[in-house]
Amino acid sequence: MLTGKQKRFLRAKAHHLQPIFQVGKGGVNDNLVAQVMDALEARELIKIHVLNNCPQPADSVASELAEKTGAELVQTIGKTIVLYKESKENKQIDLP
């Protein structure tokens, strides 16, 4: 579980990132979850954009992805989700 200070630090780091995944009309499926897990292992901090044609609201997509990948939900702003998961082999971010 992240503290408020750690979430603030991660939000500042994520500000300049571009979303690398888009969730569309297919919603959250096993293929998306596997790709997000691989990206989290490589980058630790990622942004995901929820498209307008997604059948689920962004909040439920965020909680479902965080639960299935084992990641921490840093923030959800509008249709943009920020996830963080500490990498086992490729640690890049030192949390305060």
N, C-alpha and C. Protein backbone atom coordinates (compact mmCIF):
# COMPACT_ATOMS: atom_id res chain seq x y z
N MET A 1 0.84 -1.18 0.00
CA MET A 1 0.00 0.00 0.00
C MET A 1 0.89 1.25 0.00
N LEU A 2 0.59 2.16 -0.89
CA LEU A 2 1.38 3.38 -1.01
C LEU A 2 0.90 4.45 -0.03
N THR A 3 1.83 5.22 0.50
CA THR A 3 1.48 6.34 1.36
C THR A 3 1.13 7.55 0.47
N GLY A 4 0.59 8.59 1.08
CA GLY A 4 0.24 9.80 0.34
C GLY A 4 1.45 10.45 -0.29
N LYS A 5 2.56 10.44 0.45
CA LYS A 5 3.79 11.05 -0.06
C LYS A 5 4.32 10.28 -1.27
N GLN A 6 4.23 8.95 -1.22
CA GLN A 6 4.68 8.13 -2.33
C GLN A 6 3.80 8.33 -3.56
N LYS A 7 2.48 8.42 -3.36
CA LYS A 7 1.57 8.66 -4.48
C LYS A 7 1.83 10.01 -5.13
N ARG A 8 2.09 11.02 -4.30
CA ARG A 8 2.41 12.35 -4.83
C ARG A 8 3.68 12.31 -5.67
N PHE A 9 4.69 11.59 -5.20
CA PHE A 9 5.95 11.43 -5.92
C PHE A 9 5.71 10.73 -7.27
N LEU A 10 4.91 9.67 -7.26
CA LEU A 10 4.64 8.92 -8.50
C LEU A 10 3.79 9.73 -9.47
N ARG A 11 2.84 10.52 -8.97
CA ARG A 11 2.04 11.38 -9.85
C ARG A 11 2.93 12.39 -10.55
N ALA A 12 3.92 12.93 -9.84
CA ALA A 12 4.85 13.89 -10.45
C ALA A 12 5.68 13.21 -11.53
N LYS A 13 6.13 11.98 -11.28
CA LYS A 13 6.91 11.23 -12.28
C LYS A 13 6.05 10.89 -13.50
N ALA A 14 4.77 10.59 -13.29
CA ALA A 14 3.90 10.15 -14.37
C ALA A 14 3.38 11.30 -15.22
N HIS A 15 3.52 12.52 -14.74
CA HIS A 15 2.97 13.68 -15.45
C HIS A 15 3.46 13.76 -16.90
N HIS A 16 4.72 13.46 -17.14
CA HIS A 16 5.30 13.61 -18.48
C HIS A 16 5.17 12.36 -19.34
N LEU A 17 4.62 11.28 -18.79
CA LEU A 17 4.48 10.04 -19.55
C LEU A 17 3.30 10.12 -20.52
N GLN A 18 3.42 9.42 -21.62
CA GLN A 18 2.32 9.26 -22.57
C GLN A 18 1.64 7.91 -22.30
N PRO A 19 0.32 7.82 -22.49
CA PRO A 19 -0.35 6.52 -22.31
C PRO A 19 0.18 5.50 -23.31
N ILE A 20 0.48 4.29 -22.83
CA ILE A 20 1.01 3.27 -23.73
C ILE A 20 -0.03 2.20 -24.06
N PHE A 21 -1.17 2.23 -23.38
CA PHE A 21 -2.26 1.30 -23.69
C PHE A 21 -3.56 2.08 -23.79
N GLN A 22 -4.47 1.54 -24.61
CA GLN A 22 -5.82 2.09 -24.72
C GLN A 22 -6.81 0.96 -24.49
N VAL A 23 -7.80 1.22 -23.65
CA VAL A 23 -8.85 0.24 -23.40
C VAL A 23 -10.07 0.68 -24.19
N GLY A 24 -10.51 -0.15 -25.13
CA GLY A 24 -11.61 0.21 -26.01
C GLY A 24 -12.83 -0.65 -25.77
N LYS A 25 -13.54 -0.96 -26.87
CA LYS A 25 -14.81 -1.67 -26.75
C LYS A 25 -14.65 -3.11 -26.25
N GLY A 26 -13.44 -3.66 -26.32
CA GLY A 26 -13.19 -5.00 -25.79
C GLY A 26 -13.12 -5.04 -24.28
N GLY A 27 -12.91 -3.88 -23.66
CA GLY A 27 -12.81 -3.81 -22.21
C GLY A 27 -11.53 -4.47 -21.71
N VAL A 28 -11.55 -4.90 -20.47
CA VAL A 28 -10.38 -5.55 -19.86
C VAL A 28 -10.46 -7.04 -20.16
N ASN A 29 -9.47 -7.55 -20.90
CA ASN A 29 -9.44 -8.97 -21.21
C ASN A 29 -8.08 -9.54 -20.80
N ASP A 30 -7.92 -10.86 -20.95
CA ASP A 30 -6.70 -11.53 -20.50
C ASP A 30 -5.47 -11.04 -21.26
N ASN A 31 -5.62 -10.77 -22.55
CA ASN A 31 -4.51 -10.30 -23.36
C ASN A 31 -4.01 -8.93 -22.87
N LEU A 32 -4.94 -8.03 -22.59
CA LEU A 32 -4.57 -6.70 -22.07
C LEU A 32 -3.87 -6.82 -20.72
N VAL A 33 -4.38 -7.66 -19.86
CA VAL A 33 -3.79 -7.84 -18.53
C VAL A 33 -2.36 -8.35 -18.65
N ALA A 34 -2.13 -9.32 -19.56
CA ALA A 34 -0.77 -9.86 -19.74
C ALA A 34 0.19 -8.80 -20.27
N GLN A 35 -0.27 -7.98 -21.21
CA GLN A 35 0.58 -6.93 -21.76
C GLN A 35 0.88 -5.85 -20.72
N VAL A 36 -0.11 -5.50 -19.90
CA VAL A 36 0.09 -4.50 -18.86
C VAL A 36 1.08 -5.03 -17.82
N MET A 37 1.00 -6.31 -17.48
CA MET A 37 1.95 -6.89 -16.52
C MET A 37 3.38 -6.83 -17.06
N ASP A 38 3.55 -7.14 -18.35
CA ASP A 38 4.88 -7.07 -18.97
C ASP A 38 5.41 -5.64 -18.96
N ALA A 39 4.55 -4.68 -19.27
CA ALA A 39 4.96 -3.27 -19.30
C ALA A 39 5.31 -2.78 -17.89
N LEU A 40 4.56 -3.22 -16.90
CA LEU A 40 4.86 -2.82 -15.52
C LEU A 40 6.20 -3.39 -15.06
N GLU A 41 6.51 -4.60 -15.49
CA GLU A 41 7.80 -5.20 -15.12
C GLU A 41 8.95 -4.43 -15.77
N ALA A 42 8.73 -3.95 -16.99
CA ALA A 42 9.79 -3.24 -17.71
C ALA A 42 9.91 -1.77 -17.26
N ARG A 43 8.78 -1.11 -16.96
CA ARG A 43 8.79 0.34 -16.70
C ARG A 43 8.44 0.75 -15.28
N GLU A 44 7.72 -0.07 -14.57
CA GLU A 44 7.24 0.18 -13.21
C GLU A 44 6.09 1.18 -13.13
N LEU A 45 6.07 2.21 -13.95
CA LEU A 45 5.04 3.26 -13.89
C LEU A 45 4.49 3.47 -15.29
N ILE A 46 3.18 3.27 -15.48
CA ILE A 46 2.60 3.41 -16.82
C ILE A 46 1.29 4.18 -16.75
N LYS A 47 0.93 4.75 -17.91
CA LYS A 47 -0.37 5.40 -18.07
C LYS A 47 -1.19 4.59 -19.06
N ILE A 48 -2.49 4.54 -18.81
CA ILE A 48 -3.44 3.84 -19.68
C ILE A 48 -4.60 4.78 -19.94
N HIS A 49 -5.05 4.83 -21.20
CA HIS A 49 -6.17 5.69 -21.57
C HIS A 49 -7.40 4.83 -21.85
N VAL A 50 -8.55 5.23 -21.32
CA VAL A 50 -9.81 4.53 -21.55
C VAL A 50 -10.57 5.30 -22.63
N LEU A 51 -10.87 4.62 -23.74
CA LEU A 51 -11.56 5.27 -24.85
C LEU A 51 -13.05 5.44 -24.55
N ASN A 52 -13.68 6.31 -25.34
CA ASN A 52 -15.11 6.60 -25.14
C ASN A 52 -16.00 5.39 -25.42
N ASN A 53 -15.55 4.46 -26.29
CA ASN A 53 -16.40 3.32 -26.63
C ASN A 53 -16.22 2.14 -25.67
N CYS A 54 -15.49 2.33 -24.58
CA CYS A 54 -15.33 1.27 -23.58
C CYS A 54 -16.64 1.12 -22.81
N PRO A 55 -17.13 -0.12 -22.65
CA PRO A 55 -18.41 -0.31 -21.97
C PRO A 55 -18.36 -0.04 -20.46
N GLN A 56 -17.16 -0.06 -19.85
CA GLN A 56 -17.02 0.16 -18.42
C GLN A 56 -16.53 1.58 -18.15
N PRO A 57 -16.92 2.16 -17.02
CA PRO A 57 -16.35 3.47 -16.65
C PRO A 57 -14.88 3.33 -16.28
N ALA A 58 -14.13 4.42 -16.36
CA ALA A 58 -12.69 4.40 -16.14
C ALA A 58 -12.34 3.92 -14.73
N ASP A 59 -13.15 4.27 -13.73
CA ASP A 59 -12.86 3.85 -12.36
C ASP A 59 -12.88 2.33 -12.20
N SER A 60 -13.87 1.68 -12.83
CA SER A 60 -13.94 0.22 -12.70
C SER A 60 -12.84 -0.46 -13.51
N VAL A 61 -12.46 0.13 -14.66
CA VAL A 61 -11.34 -0.40 -15.44
C VAL A 61 -10.06 -0.31 -14.62
N ALA A 62 -9.86 0.82 -13.95
CA ALA A 62 -8.65 1.04 -13.14
C ALA A 62 -8.57 0.03 -12.00
N SER A 63 -9.66 -0.15 -11.27
CA SER A 63 -9.64 -1.08 -10.14
C SER A 63 -9.47 -2.52 -10.61
N GLU A 64 -10.09 -2.88 -11.73
CA GLU A 64 -9.97 -4.24 -12.25
C GLU A 64 -8.54 -4.53 -12.72
N LEU A 65 -7.92 -3.57 -13.44
CA LEU A 65 -6.54 -3.76 -13.88
C LEU A 65 -5.58 -3.83 -12.70
N ALA A 66 -5.77 -2.99 -11.71
CA ALA A 66 -4.90 -3.00 -10.53
C ALA A 66 -5.02 -4.33 -9.79
N GLU A 67 -6.23 -4.83 -9.68
CA GLU A 67 -6.45 -6.09 -8.98
C GLU A 67 -5.83 -7.27 -9.73
N LYS A 68 -6.06 -7.34 -11.06
CA LYS A 68 -5.59 -8.48 -11.85
C LYS A 68 -4.08 -8.47 -12.06
N THR A 69 -3.45 -7.30 -12.07
CA THR A 69 -2.00 -7.23 -12.29
C THR A 69 -1.22 -7.18 -10.98
N GLY A 70 -1.90 -6.92 -9.87
CA GLY A 70 -1.21 -6.80 -8.60
C GLY A 70 -0.52 -5.45 -8.44
N ALA A 71 -0.92 -4.47 -9.24
CA ALA A 71 -0.30 -3.15 -9.21
C ALA A 71 -1.04 -2.22 -8.25
N GLU A 72 -0.41 -1.11 -7.96
CA GLU A 72 -1.02 -0.06 -7.13
C GLU A 72 -1.63 0.99 -8.04
N LEU A 73 -2.86 1.38 -7.77
CA LEU A 73 -3.51 2.46 -8.51
C LEU A 73 -3.03 3.78 -7.94
N VAL A 74 -2.27 4.54 -8.74
CA VAL A 74 -1.74 5.82 -8.28
C VAL A 74 -2.80 6.90 -8.40
N GLN A 75 -3.44 6.98 -9.59
CA GLN A 75 -4.50 7.97 -9.76
C GLN A 75 -5.33 7.66 -11.00
N THR A 76 -6.53 8.22 -11.00
CA THR A 76 -7.41 8.20 -12.16
C THR A 76 -7.89 9.62 -12.37
N ILE A 77 -7.55 10.19 -13.51
CA ILE A 77 -8.02 11.54 -13.84
C ILE A 77 -8.78 11.43 -15.16
N GLY A 78 -10.09 11.68 -15.09
CA GLY A 78 -10.91 11.56 -16.29
C GLY A 78 -10.85 10.14 -16.82
N LYS A 79 -10.27 9.97 -18.00
CA LYS A 79 -10.17 8.65 -18.61
C LYS A 79 -8.72 8.16 -18.68
N THR A 80 -7.87 8.74 -17.85
CA THR A 80 -6.46 8.34 -17.80
C THR A 80 -6.16 7.70 -16.46
N ILE A 81 -5.50 6.53 -16.53
CA ILE A 81 -5.18 5.74 -15.34
C ILE A 81 -3.66 5.67 -15.20
N VAL A 82 -3.16 5.80 -13.98
CA VAL A 82 -1.73 5.63 -13.71
C VAL A 82 -1.56 4.46 -12.75
N LEU A 83 -0.75 3.47 -13.17
CA LEU A 83 -0.48 2.29 -12.35
C LEU A 83 1.00 2.19 -12.03
N TYR A 84 1.31 1.65 -10.83
CA TYR A 84 2.69 1.43 -10.42
C TYR A 84 2.83 0.04 -9.84
N LYS A 85 3.90 -0.63 -10.22
CA LYS A 85 4.24 -1.92 -9.60
C LYS A 85 5.76 -2.03 -9.59
N GLU A 86 6.32 -2.30 -8.43
CA GLU A 86 7.77 -2.42 -8.31
C GLU A 86 8.26 -3.62 -9.11
N SER A 87 9.27 -3.39 -9.93
CA SER A 87 9.85 -4.43 -10.77
C SER A 87 10.73 -5.34 -9.94
N LYS A 88 10.72 -6.63 -10.27
CA LYS A 88 11.56 -7.58 -9.54
C LYS A 88 13.00 -7.54 -10.04
N GLU A 89 13.20 -7.37 -11.35
CA GLU A 89 14.54 -7.44 -11.93
C GLU A 89 15.05 -6.10 -12.46
N ASN A 90 14.14 -5.18 -12.73
CA ASN A 90 14.51 -3.94 -13.43
C ASN A 90 14.09 -2.72 -12.62
N LYS A 91 14.50 -2.65 -11.35
CA LYS A 91 14.05 -1.56 -10.47
C LYS A 91 14.66 -0.24 -10.91
N GLN A 92 13.79 0.76 -11.15
CA GLN A 92 14.25 2.07 -11.62
C GLN A 92 13.83 3.20 -10.69
N ILE A 93 12.71 3.07 -9.99
CA ILE A 93 12.15 4.13 -9.17
C ILE A 93 12.39 3.83 -7.70
N ASP A 94 13.02 4.77 -7.00
CA ASP A 94 13.19 4.65 -5.54
C ASP A 94 12.13 5.52 -4.87
N LEU A 95 11.21 4.89 -4.18
CA LEU A 95 10.15 5.64 -3.51
C LEU A 95 10.67 6.31 -2.25
N PRO A 96 10.15 7.53 -1.94
CA PRO A 96 10.57 8.20 -0.70
C PRO A 96 10.04 7.49 0.53
